Amino acid sequence: MSRGSKKYYIIFVDDYSRYTMVHLLSSKDEAEEMFIKYKAKVENQLDRKIKIFRSYRGGEYDPTSLKNYCDANGIIHEQTALILQSKTV
Protein backbone atom coordinates (compact mmCIF):
# COMPACT_ATOMS: atom_id res chain seq x y z
CA MET A 1 0.00 0.00 0.00
CA SER A 2 1.32 3.45 -0.92
CA ARG A 3 1.32 6.63 1.16
CA GLY A 4 -1.98 7.71 -0.36
CA SER A 5 -3.60 4.36 0.53
CA LYS A 6 -3.41 3.17 -3.07
CA LYS A 7 -3.38 -0.60 -3.36
CA TYR A 8 -3.41 -1.06 -7.15
CA TYR A 9 -1.82 0.40 -10.23
CA ILE A 10 -2.68 0.49 -13.91
CA ILE A 11 -0.20 0.95 -16.73
CA PHE A 12 -1.04 2.28 -20.20
CA VAL A 13 1.56 1.63 -22.91
CA ASP A 14 1.41 2.82 -26.50
CA ASP A 15 2.62 -0.05 -28.72
CA TYR A 16 4.12 2.24 -31.33
CA SER A 17 5.93 4.92 -29.32
CA ARG A 18 6.22 3.02 -26.00
CA TYR A 19 4.76 6.14 -24.31
CA THR A 20 3.87 4.85 -20.85
CA MET A 21 1.73 6.19 -18.02
CA VAL A 22 1.24 4.66 -14.59
CA HIS A 23 -1.72 5.54 -12.36
CA LEU A 24 -2.22 4.48 -8.76
CA LEU A 25 -5.69 3.26 -7.82
CA SER A 26 -7.48 2.83 -4.51
CA SER A 27 -9.68 0.11 -5.99
CA LYS A 28 -9.96 -1.76 -9.29
CA ASP A 29 -13.24 -0.06 -10.16
CA GLU A 30 -11.31 3.17 -10.86
CA ALA A 31 -9.64 1.56 -13.92
CA GLU A 32 -12.28 2.62 -16.44
CA GLU A 33 -12.21 6.24 -15.25
CA MET A 34 -8.41 6.24 -15.57
CA PHE A 35 -8.67 4.94 -19.15
CA ILE A 36 -11.06 7.78 -20.02
CA LYS A 37 -8.63 10.32 -18.50
CA TYR A 38 -5.69 8.69 -20.32
CA LYS A 39 -7.57 8.85 -23.62
CA ALA A 40 -8.29 12.56 -23.13
CA LYS A 41 -4.68 13.31 -22.21
CA VAL A 42 -3.24 11.40 -25.17
CA GLU A 43 -5.59 13.07 -27.62
CA ASN A 44 -4.96 16.56 -26.24
CA GLN A 45 -1.26 16.44 -25.39
CA LEU A 46 0.09 14.16 -28.11
CA ASP A 47 -2.46 14.91 -30.82
CA ARG A 48 -3.04 11.18 -31.35
CA LYS A 49 -6.17 9.03 -31.46
CA ILE A 50 -6.54 5.70 -29.67
CA LYS A 51 -7.66 3.16 -32.25
CA ILE A 52 -7.29 -0.12 -30.39
CA PHE A 53 -7.37 -0.71 -26.65
CA ARG A 54 -6.03 -4.05 -25.39
CA SER A 55 -6.68 -5.33 -21.90
CA TYR A 56 -6.56 -8.63 -20.13
CA ARG A 57 -9.54 -10.23 -18.47
CA GLY A 58 -8.69 -9.18 -14.93
CA GLY A 59 -12.15 -7.87 -14.07
CA GLU A 60 -11.08 -4.22 -13.79
CA TYR A 61 -13.50 -2.99 -16.42
CA ASP A 62 -17.26 -3.25 -16.57
CA PRO A 63 -17.57 -5.05 -19.94
CA THR A 64 -20.84 -3.40 -20.97
CA SER A 65 -19.88 0.13 -19.95
CA LEU A 66 -16.43 -0.05 -21.55
CA LYS A 67 -17.83 -1.60 -24.73
CA ASN A 68 -20.37 1.20 -25.06
CA TYR A 69 -17.68 3.84 -24.44
CA CYS A 70 -15.29 2.31 -26.97
CA ASP A 71 -18.05 1.89 -29.58
CA ALA A 72 -19.13 5.52 -29.13
CA ASN A 73 -15.52 6.69 -29.61
CA GLY A 74 -14.58 4.39 -32.50
CA ILE A 75 -12.14 2.33 -30.43
CA ILE A 76 -11.71 -1.40 -30.93
CA HIS A 77 -11.47 -3.14 -27.56
CA GLU A 78 -9.48 -6.37 -27.65
CA GLN A 79 -9.15 -8.66 -24.67
CA THR A 80 -6.51 -11.30 -24.16
CA ALA A 81 -7.54 -14.92 -24.30
CA LEU A 82 -8.77 -16.35 -21.04
CA ILE A 83 -6.25 -18.91 -19.81
CA LEU A 84 -7.55 -21.60 -17.52
CA GLN A 85 -5.06 -23.15 -15.18
CA SER A 86 -5.46 -26.78 -14.26
CA LYS A 87 -4.30 -28.20 -10.98
CA THR A 88 -2.45 -31.47 -10.89
CA VAL A 89 -2.31 -33.43 -7.73
PDB file of N, CA and C in Angstrom:
ATOM      1  N   MET A   1       0.848  -1.175   0.000  1.00  0.00           N
ATOM      2  CA  MET A   1       0.000   0.000   0.000  1.00  0.00           C
ATOM      3  C   MET A   1       0.896   1.242   0.000  1.00  0.00           C
ATOM      4  N   SER A   2       0.528   2.233  -0.807  1.00  0.00           N
ATOM      5  CA  SER A   2       1.321   3.454  -0.917  1.00  0.00           C
ATOM      6  C   SER A   2       0.936   4.460   0.171  1.00  0.00           C
ATOM      7  N   ARG A   3       1.619   5.582   0.180  1.00  0.00           N
ATOM      8  CA  ARG A   3       1.323   6.630   1.162  1.00  0.00           C
ATOM      9  C   ARG A   3      -0.102   7.145   1.047  1.00  0.00           C
ATOM     10  N   GLY A   4      -0.614   7.213  -0.159  1.00  0.00           N
ATOM     11  CA  GLY A   4      -1.977   7.710  -0.364  1.00  0.00           C
ATOM     12  C   GLY A   4      -3.026   6.614  -0.277  1.00  0.00           C
ATOM     13  N   SER A   5      -2.704   5.509   0.371  1.00  0.00           N
ATOM     14  CA  SER A   5      -3.598   4.364   0.528  1.00  0.00           C
ATOM     15  C   SER A   5      -4.012   3.753  -0.811  1.00  0.00           C
ATOM     16  N   LYS A   6      -3.137   3.774  -1.765  1.00  0.00           N
ATOM     17  CA  LYS A   6      -3.408   3.174  -3.067  1.00  0.00           C
ATOM     18  C   LYS A   6      -2.889   1.746  -3.047  1.00  0.00           C
ATOM     19  N   LYS A   7      -3.753   0.803  -3.414  1.00  0.00           N
ATOM     20  CA  LYS A   7      -3.378  -0.600  -3.364  1.00  0.00           C
ATOM     21  C   LYS A   7      -3.104  -1.195  -4.740  1.00  0.00           C
ATOM     22  N   TYR A   8      -3.529  -0.516  -5.800  1.00  0.00           N
ATOM     23  CA  TYR A   8      -3.414  -1.062  -7.152  1.00  0.00           C
ATOM     24  C   TYR A   8      -2.754  -0.043  -8.067  1.00  0.00           C
ATOM     25  N   TYR A   9      -2.326  -0.504  -9.210  1.00  0.00           N
ATOM     26  CA  TYR A   9      -1.820   0.398 -10.234  1.00  0.00           C
ATOM     27  C   TYR A   9      -2.280  -0.093 -11.596  1.00  0.00           C
ATOM     28  N   ILE A  10      -2.328   0.825 -12.542  1.00  0.00           N
ATOM     29  CA  ILE A  10      -2.675   0.493 -13.912  1.00  0.00           C
ATOM     30  C   ILE A  10      -1.646   1.167 -14.815  1.00  0.00           C
ATOM     31  N   ILE A  11      -1.211   0.440 -15.814  1.00  0.00           N
ATOM     32  CA  ILE A  11      -0.198   0.952 -16.730  1.00  0.00           C
ATOM     33  C   ILE A  11      -0.791   0.992 -18.131  1.00  0.00           C
ATOM     34  N   PHE A  12      -0.640   2.135 -18.802  1.00  0.00           N
ATOM     35  CA  PHE A  12      -1.044   2.282 -20.196  1.00  0.00           C
ATOM     36  C   PHE A  12       0.231   2.429 -21.022  1.00  0.00           C
ATOM     37  N   VAL A  13       0.370   1.597 -22.052  1.00  0.00           N
ATOM     38  CA  VAL A  13       1.561   1.627 -22.906  1.00  0.00           C
ATOM     39  C   VAL A  13       1.121   1.719 -24.358  1.00  0.00           C
ATOM     40  N   ASP A  14       1.655   2.706 -25.077  1.00  0.00           N
ATOM     41  CA  ASP A  14       1.411   2.824 -26.504  1.00  0.00           C
ATOM     42  C   ASP A  14       2.355   1.866 -27.222  1.00  0.00           C
ATOM     43  N   ASP A  15       1.801   0.950 -28.023  1.00  0.00           N
ATOM     44  CA  ASP A  15       2.617  -0.048 -28.715  1.00  0.00           C
ATOM     45  C   ASP A  15       3.620   0.575 -29.676  1.00  0.00           C
ATOM     46  N   TYR A  16       3.252   1.645 -30.317  1.00  0.00           N
ATOM     47  CA  TYR A  16       4.120   2.241 -31.331  1.00  0.00           C
ATOM     48  C   TYR A  16       5.261   3.048 -30.704  1.00  0.00           C
ATOM     49  N   SER A  17       4.915   4.006 -29.862  1.00  0.00           N
ATOM     50  CA  SER A  17       5.931   4.921 -29.321  1.00  0.00           C
ATOM     51  C   SER A  17       6.515   4.457 -27.994  1.00  0.00           C
ATOM     52  N   ARG A  18       5.871   3.497 -27.347  1.00  0.00           N
ATOM     53  CA  ARG A  18       6.225   3.017 -26.005  1.00  0.00           C
ATOM     54  C   ARG A  18       5.963   4.084 -24.940  1.00  0.00           C
ATOM     55  N   TYR A  19       5.181   5.123 -25.279  1.00  0.00           N
ATOM     56  CA  TYR A  19       4.761   6.137 -24.307  1.00  0.00           C
ATOM     57  C   TYR A  19       4.002   5.411 -23.203  1.00  0.00           C
ATOM     58  N   THR A  20       4.411   5.614 -21.968  1.00  0.00           N
ATOM     59  CA  THR A  20       3.866   4.853 -20.846  1.00  0.00           C
ATOM     60  C   THR A  20       3.394   5.795 -19.747  1.00  0.00           C
ATOM     61  N   MET A  21       2.247   5.462 -19.174  1.00  0.00           N
ATOM     62  CA  MET A  21       1.729   6.194 -18.017  1.00  0.00           C
ATOM     63  C   MET A  21       1.307   5.187 -16.958  1.00  0.00           C
ATOM     64  N   VAL A  22       1.613   5.507 -15.714  1.00  0.00           N
ATOM     65  CA  VAL A  22       1.237   4.664 -14.585  1.00  0.00           C
ATOM     66  C   VAL A  22       0.324   5.485 -13.680  1.00  0.00           C
ATOM     67  N   HIS A  23      -0.783   4.888 -13.282  1.00  0.00           N
ATOM     68  CA  HIS A  23      -1.721   5.542 -12.358  1.00  0.00           C
ATOM     69  C   HIS A  23      -1.911   4.636 -11.147  1.00  0.00           C
ATOM     70  N   LEU A  24      -1.931   5.228  -9.980  1.00  0.00           N
ATOM     71  CA  LEU A  24      -2.219   4.481  -8.763  1.00  0.00           C
ATOM     72  C   LEU A  24      -3.709   4.521  -8.497  1.00  0.00           C
ATOM     73  N   LEU A  25      -4.250   3.388  -8.044  1.00  0.00           N
ATOM     74  CA  LEU A  25      -5.690   3.265  -7.817  1.00  0.00           C
ATOM     75  C   LEU A  25      -5.972   2.800  -6.392  1.00  0.00           C
ATOM     76  N   SER A  26      -7.043   3.305  -5.818  1.00  0.00           N
ATOM     77  CA  SER A  26      -7.477   2.826  -4.508  1.00  0.00           C
ATOM     78  C   SER A  26      -8.214   1.507  -4.637  1.00  0.00           C
ATOM     79  N   SER A  27      -8.955   1.349  -5.740  1.00  0.00           N
ATOM     80  CA  SER A  27      -9.676   0.106  -5.993  1.00  0.00           C
ATOM     81  C   SER A  27      -9.718  -0.140  -7.496  1.00  0.00           C
ATOM     82  N   LYS A  28      -9.973  -1.387  -7.872  1.00  0.00           N
ATOM     83  CA  LYS A  28      -9.961  -1.757  -9.286  1.00  0.00           C
ATOM     84  C   LYS A  28     -11.073  -1.076 -10.082  1.00  0.00           C
ATOM     85  N   ASP A  29     -12.140  -0.677  -9.424  1.00  0.00           N
ATOM     86  CA  ASP A  29     -13.243  -0.064 -10.160  1.00  0.00           C
ATOM     87  C   ASP A  29     -12.914   1.337 -10.678  1.00  0.00           C
ATOM     88  N   GLU A  30     -11.752   1.879 -10.330  1.00  0.00           N
ATOM     89  CA  GLU A  30     -11.305   3.171 -10.856  1.00  0.00           C
ATOM     90  C   GLU A  30     -10.628   3.027 -12.224  1.00  0.00           C
ATOM     91  N   ALA A  31     -10.407   1.810 -12.690  1.00  0.00           N
ATOM     92  CA  ALA A  31      -9.644   1.565 -13.917  1.00  0.00           C
ATOM     93  C   ALA A  31     -10.298   2.202 -15.138  1.00  0.00           C
ATOM     94  N   GLU A  32     -11.604   2.066 -15.271  1.00  0.00           N
ATOM     95  CA  GLU A  32     -12.282   2.621 -16.444  1.00  0.00           C
ATOM     96  C   GLU A  32     -12.179   4.147 -16.473  1.00  0.00           C
ATOM     97  N   GLU A  33     -12.339   4.775 -15.334  1.00  0.00           N
ATOM     98  CA  GLU A  33     -12.213   6.235 -15.245  1.00  0.00           C
ATOM     99  C   GLU A  33     -10.796   6.675 -15.635  1.00  0.00           C
ATOM    100  N   MET A  34      -9.790   5.915 -15.223  1.00  0.00           N
ATOM    101  CA  MET A  34      -8.409   6.237 -15.573  1.00  0.00           C
ATOM    102  C   MET A  34      -8.176   6.084 -17.073  1.00  0.00           C
ATOM    103  N   PHE A  35      -8.804   5.089 -17.704  1.00  0.00           N
ATOM    104  CA  PHE A  35      -8.671   4.937 -19.151  1.00  0.00           C
ATOM    105  C   PHE A  35      -9.272   6.146 -19.863  1.00  0.00           C
ATOM    106  N   ILE A  36     -10.409   6.621 -19.405  1.00  0.00           N
ATOM    107  CA  ILE A  36     -11.057   7.782 -20.018  1.00  0.00           C
ATOM    108  C   ILE A  36     -10.165   9.023 -19.873  1.00  0.00           C
ATOM    109  N   LYS A  37      -9.552   9.195 -18.704  1.00  0.00           N
ATOM    110  CA  LYS A  37      -8.632  10.315 -18.496  1.00  0.00           C
ATOM    111  C   LYS A  37      -7.386  10.169 -19.368  1.00  0.00           C
ATOM    112  N   TYR A  38      -6.860   8.946 -19.471  1.00  0.00           N
ATOM    113  CA  TYR A  38      -5.690   8.688 -20.316  1.00  0.00           C
ATOM    114  C   TYR A  38      -6.005   9.012 -21.770  1.00  0.00           C
ATOM    115  N   LYS A  39      -7.162   8.586 -22.238  1.00  0.00           N
ATOM    116  CA  LYS A  39      -7.573   8.854 -23.624  1.00  0.00           C
ATOM    117  C   LYS A  39      -7.616  10.361 -23.883  1.00  0.00           C
ATOM    118  N   ALA A  40      -8.212  11.110 -22.969  1.00  0.00           N
ATOM    119  CA  ALA A  40      -8.294  12.563 -23.132  1.00  0.00           C
ATOM    120  C   ALA A  40      -6.904  13.194 -23.153  1.00  0.00           C
ATOM    121  N   LYS A  41      -6.026  12.746 -22.282  1.00  0.00           N
ATOM    122  CA  LYS A  41      -4.675  13.312 -22.208  1.00  0.00           C
ATOM    123  C   LYS A  41      -3.888  13.009 -23.482  1.00  0.00           C
ATOM    124  N   VAL A  42      -3.957  11.779 -23.952  1.00  0.00           N
ATOM    125  CA  VAL A  42      -3.237  11.396 -25.172  1.00  0.00           C
ATOM    126  C   VAL A  42      -3.728  12.221 -26.359  1.00  0.00           C
ATOM    127  N   GLU A  43      -5.039  12.344 -26.480  1.00  0.00           N
ATOM    128  CA  GLU A  43      -5.587  13.071 -27.621  1.00  0.00           C
ATOM    129  C   GLU A  43      -5.274  14.560 -27.557  1.00  0.00           C
ATOM    130  N   ASN A  44      -5.238  15.126 -26.374  1.00  0.00           N
ATOM    131  CA  ASN A  44      -4.960  16.561 -26.242  1.00  0.00           C
ATOM    132  C   ASN A  44      -3.472  16.882 -26.257  1.00  0.00           C
ATOM    133  N   GLN A  45      -2.677  16.127 -25.521  1.00  0.00           N
ATOM    134  CA  GLN A  45      -1.261  16.439 -25.388  1.00  0.00           C
ATOM    135  C   GLN A  45      -0.409  15.942 -26.553  1.00  0.00           C
ATOM    136  N   LEU A  46      -0.737  14.762 -27.064  1.00  0.00           N
ATOM    137  CA  LEU A  46       0.093  14.157 -28.109  1.00  0.00           C
ATOM    138  C   LEU A  46      -0.534  14.243 -29.494  1.00  0.00           C
ATOM    139  N   ASP A  47      -1.740  14.777 -29.550  1.00  0.00           N
ATOM    140  CA  ASP A  47      -2.457  14.906 -30.820  1.00  0.00           C
ATOM    141  C   ASP A  47      -2.545  13.568 -31.551  1.00  0.00           C
ATOM    142  N   ARG A  48      -2.889  12.521 -30.807  1.00  0.00           N
ATOM    143  CA  ARG A  48      -3.040  11.176 -31.347  1.00  0.00           C
ATOM    144  C   ARG A  48      -4.412  10.637 -30.967  1.00  0.00           C
ATOM    145  N   LYS A  49      -4.895   9.689 -31.750  1.00  0.00           N
ATOM    146  CA  LYS A  49      -6.167   9.027 -31.462  1.00  0.00           C
ATOM    147  C   LYS A  49      -5.899   7.591 -31.050  1.00  0.00           C
ATOM    148  N   ILE A  50      -6.619   7.104 -30.060  1.00  0.00           N
ATOM    149  CA  ILE A  50      -6.539   5.700 -29.673  1.00  0.00           C
ATOM    150  C   ILE A  50      -7.455   4.929 -30.616  1.00  0.00           C
ATOM    151  N   LYS A  51      -6.893   3.950 -31.293  1.00  0.00           N
ATOM    152  CA  LYS A  51      -7.661   3.163 -32.253  1.00  0.00           C
ATOM    153  C   LYS A  51      -8.017   1.790 -31.708  1.00  0.00           C
ATOM    154  N   ILE A  52      -7.075   1.200 -30.980  1.00  0.00           N
ATOM    155  CA  ILE A  52      -7.288  -0.124 -30.392  1.00  0.00           C
ATOM    156  C   ILE A  52      -6.852  -0.075 -28.936  1.00  0.00           C
ATOM    157  N   PHE A  53      -7.683  -0.635 -28.074  1.00  0.00           N
ATOM    158  CA  PHE A  53      -7.371  -0.706 -26.647  1.00  0.00           C
ATOM    159  C   PHE A  53      -7.339  -2.184 -26.268  1.00  0.00           C
ATOM    160  N   ARG A  54      -6.175  -2.663 -25.795  1.00  0.00           N
ATOM    161  CA  ARG A  54      -6.027  -4.054 -25.387  1.00  0.00           C
ATOM    162  C   ARG A  54      -5.974  -4.142 -23.876  1.00  0.00           C
ATOM    163  N   SER A  55      -6.708  -5.093 -23.341  1.00  0.00           N
ATOM    164  CA  SER A  55      -6.678  -5.326 -21.901  1.00  0.00           C
ATOM    165  C   SER A  55      -6.779  -6.823 -21.653  1.00  0.00           C
ATOM    166  N   TYR A  56      -6.402  -7.221 -20.467  1.00  0.00           N
ATOM    167  CA  TYR A  56      -6.559  -8.635 -20.134  1.00  0.00           C
ATOM    168  C   TYR A  56      -7.819  -8.786 -19.281  1.00  0.00           C
ATOM    169  N   ARG A  57      -8.273  -9.964 -19.153  1.00  0.00           N
ATOM    170  CA  ARG A  57      -9.542 -10.230 -18.468  1.00  0.00           C
ATOM    171  C   ARG A  57      -9.368 -10.303 -16.954  1.00  0.00           C
ATOM    172  N   GLY A  58      -8.923  -9.205 -16.373  1.00  0.00           N
ATOM    173  CA  GLY A  58      -8.686  -9.184 -14.932  1.00  0.00           C
ATOM    174  C   GLY A  58      -9.867  -8.696 -14.127  1.00  0.00           C
ATOM    175  N   GLY A  59     -10.955  -8.310 -14.779  1.00  0.00           N
ATOM    176  CA  GLY A  59     -12.146  -7.867 -14.070  1.00  0.00           C
ATOM    177  C   GLY A  59     -12.125  -6.412 -13.647  1.00  0.00           C
ATOM    178  N   GLU A  60     -11.168  -5.629 -14.166  1.00  0.00           N
ATOM    179  CA  GLU A  60     -11.079  -4.221 -13.786  1.00  0.00           C
ATOM    180  C   GLU A  60     -12.156  -3.382 -14.452  1.00  0.00           C
ATOM    181  N   TYR A  61     -12.564  -3.788 -15.630  1.00  0.00           N
ATOM    182  CA  TYR A  61     -13.496  -2.986 -16.422  1.00  0.00           C
ATOM    183  C   TYR A  61     -14.875  -3.626 -16.466  1.00  0.00           C
ATOM    184  N   ASP A  62     -15.896  -2.790 -16.367  1.00  0.00           N
ATOM    185  CA  ASP A  62     -17.263  -3.252 -16.571  1.00  0.00           C
ATOM    186  C   ASP A  62     -17.405  -3.498 -18.072  1.00  0.00           C
ATOM    187  N   PRO A  63     -17.600  -4.747 -18.500  1.00  0.00           N
ATOM    188  CA  PRO A  63     -17.569  -5.048 -19.935  1.00  0.00           C
ATOM    189  C   PRO A  63     -18.613  -4.281 -20.749  1.00  0.00           C
ATOM    190  N   THR A  64     -19.795  -4.097 -20.233  1.00  0.00           N
ATOM    191  CA  THR A  64     -20.844  -3.401 -20.968  1.00  0.00           C
ATOM    192  C   THR A  64     -20.534  -1.915 -21.081  1.00  0.00           C
ATOM    193  N   SER A  65     -20.171  -1.302 -19.978  1.00  0.00           N
ATOM    194  CA  SER A  65     -19.884   0.126 -19.954  1.00  0.00           C
ATOM    195  C   SER A  65     -18.689   0.470 -20.846  1.00  0.00           C
ATOM    196  N   LEU A  66     -17.614  -0.310 -20.740  1.00  0.00           N
ATOM    197  CA  LEU A  66     -16.425  -0.049 -21.548  1.00  0.00           C
ATOM    198  C   LEU A  66     -16.703  -0.287 -23.034  1.00  0.00           C
ATOM    199  N   LYS A  67     -17.482  -1.330 -23.336  1.00  0.00           N
ATOM    200  CA  LYS A  67     -17.827  -1.604 -24.732  1.00  0.00           C
ATOM    201  C   LYS A  67     -18.616  -0.438 -25.320  1.00  0.00           C
ATOM    202  N   ASN A  68     -19.584   0.062 -24.591  1.00  0.00           N
ATOM    203  CA  ASN A  68     -20.373   1.197 -25.058  1.00  0.00           C
ATOM    204  C   ASN A  68     -19.496   2.435 -25.262  1.00  0.00           C
ATOM    205  N   TYR A  69     -18.578   2.680 -24.330  1.00  0.00           N
ATOM    206  CA  TYR A  69     -17.678   3.837 -24.436  1.00  0.00           C
ATOM    207  C   TYR A  69     -16.775   3.703 -25.656  1.00  0.00           C
ATOM    208  N   CYS A  70     -16.186   2.531 -25.828  1.00  0.00           N
ATOM    209  CA  CYS A  70     -15.292   2.306 -26.968  1.00  0.00           C
ATOM    210  C   CYS A  70     -16.060   2.402 -28.288  1.00  0.00           C
ATOM    211  N   ASP A  71     -17.238   1.806 -28.362  1.00  0.00           N
ATOM    212  CA  ASP A  71     -18.049   1.886 -29.578  1.00  0.00           C
ATOM    213  C   ASP A  71     -18.396   3.336 -29.917  1.00  0.00           C
ATOM    214  N   ALA A  72     -18.753   4.118 -28.908  1.00  0.00           N
ATOM    215  CA  ALA A  72     -19.128   5.520 -29.128  1.00  0.00           C
ATOM    216  C   ALA A  72     -17.943   6.364 -29.598  1.00  0.00           C
ATOM    217  N   ASN A  73     -16.714   5.927 -29.260  1.00  0.00           N
ATOM    218  CA  ASN A  73     -15.522   6.691 -29.612  1.00  0.00           C
ATOM    219  C   ASN A  73     -14.706   6.053 -30.730  1.00  0.00           C
ATOM    220  N   GLY A  74     -15.257   5.027 -31.379  1.00  0.00           N
ATOM    221  CA  GLY A  74     -14.578   4.395 -32.504  1.00  0.00           C
ATOM    222  C   GLY A  74     -13.325   3.629 -32.124  1.00  0.00           C
ATOM    223  N   ILE A  75     -13.302   3.083 -30.920  1.00  0.00           N
ATOM    224  CA  ILE A  75     -12.138   2.333 -30.428  1.00  0.00           C
ATOM    225  C   ILE A  75     -12.469   0.845 -30.438  1.00  0.00           C
ATOM    226  N   ILE A  76     -11.558   0.054 -30.972  1.00  0.00           N
ATOM    227  CA  ILE A  76     -11.715  -1.401 -30.931  1.00  0.00           C
ATOM    228  C   ILE A  76     -11.137  -1.886 -29.609  1.00  0.00           C
ATOM    229  N   HIS A  77     -11.954  -2.606 -28.839  1.00  0.00           N
ATOM    230  CA  HIS A  77     -11.472  -3.139 -27.565  1.00  0.00           C
ATOM    231  C   HIS A  77     -11.172  -4.618 -27.734  1.00  0.00           C
ATOM    232  N   GLU A  78      -9.897  -4.971 -27.575  1.00  0.00           N
ATOM    233  CA  GLU A  78      -9.475  -6.366 -27.653  1.00  0.00           C
ATOM    234  C   GLU A  78      -9.097  -6.840 -26.263  1.00  0.00           C
ATOM    235  N   GLN A  79      -9.508  -8.065 -25.955  1.00  0.00           N
ATOM    236  CA  GLN A  79      -9.146  -8.657 -24.674  1.00  0.00           C
ATOM    237  C   GLN A  79      -8.284  -9.884 -24.921  1.00  0.00           C
ATOM    238  N   THR A  80      -7.349 -10.125 -24.027  1.00  0.00           N
ATOM    239  CA  THR A  80      -6.512 -11.300 -24.157  1.00  0.00           C
ATOM    240  C   THR A  80      -7.347 -12.556 -23.966  1.00  0.00           C
ATOM    241  N   ALA A  81      -6.846 -13.651 -24.463  1.00  0.00           N
ATOM    242  CA  ALA A  81      -7.539 -14.923 -24.301  1.00  0.00           C
ATOM    243  C   ALA A  81      -7.557 -15.307 -22.826  1.00  0.00           C
ATOM    244  N   LEU A  82      -8.636 -15.893 -22.418  1.00  0.00           N
ATOM    245  CA  LEU A  82      -8.771 -16.354 -21.042  1.00  0.00           C
ATOM    246  C   LEU A  82      -8.004 -17.656 -20.910  1.00  0.00           C
ATOM    247  N   ILE A  83      -7.064 -17.714 -20.007  1.00  0.00           N
ATOM    248  CA  ILE A  83      -6.250 -18.908 -19.807  1.00  0.00           C
ATOM    249  C   ILE A  83      -6.714 -19.595 -18.523  1.00  0.00           C
ATOM    250  N   LEU A  84      -7.116 -20.814 -18.668  1.00  0.00           N
ATOM    251  CA  LEU A  84      -7.547 -21.597 -17.520  1.00  0.00           C
ATOM    252  C   LEU A  84      -6.370 -22.427 -17.025  1.00  0.00           C
ATOM    253  N   GLN A  85      -6.149 -22.382 -15.745  1.00  0.00           N
ATOM    254  CA  GLN A  85      -5.057 -23.152 -15.175  1.00  0.00           C
ATOM    255  C   GLN A  85      -5.618 -24.416 -14.553  1.00  0.00           C
ATOM    256  N   SER A  86      -4.994 -25.521 -14.843  1.00  0.00           N
ATOM    257  CA  SER A  86      -5.456 -26.776 -14.260  1.00  0.00           C
ATOM    258  C   SER A  86      -4.526 -27.159 -13.106  1.00  0.00           C
ATOM    259  N   LYS A  87      -5.102 -27.750 -12.120  1.00  0.00           N
ATOM    260  CA  LYS A  87      -4.301 -28.200 -10.984  1.00  0.00           C
ATOM    261  C   LYS A  87      -4.021 -29.686 -11.124  1.00  0.00           C
ATOM    262  N   THR A  88      -2.798 -30.057 -10.890  1.00  0.00           N
ATOM    263  CA  THR A  88      -2.448 -31.475 -10.891  1.00  0.00           C
ATOM    264  C   THR A  88      -2.067 -31.875  -9.476  1.00  0.00           C
ATOM    265  N   VAL A  89      -2.578 -32.950  -9.101  1.00  0.00           N
ATOM    266  CA  VAL A  89      -2.305 -33.430  -7.731  1.00  0.00           C
ATOM    267  C   VAL A  89      -1.364 -34.597  -7.785  1.00  0.00           C
TER     268      VAL A  89
END
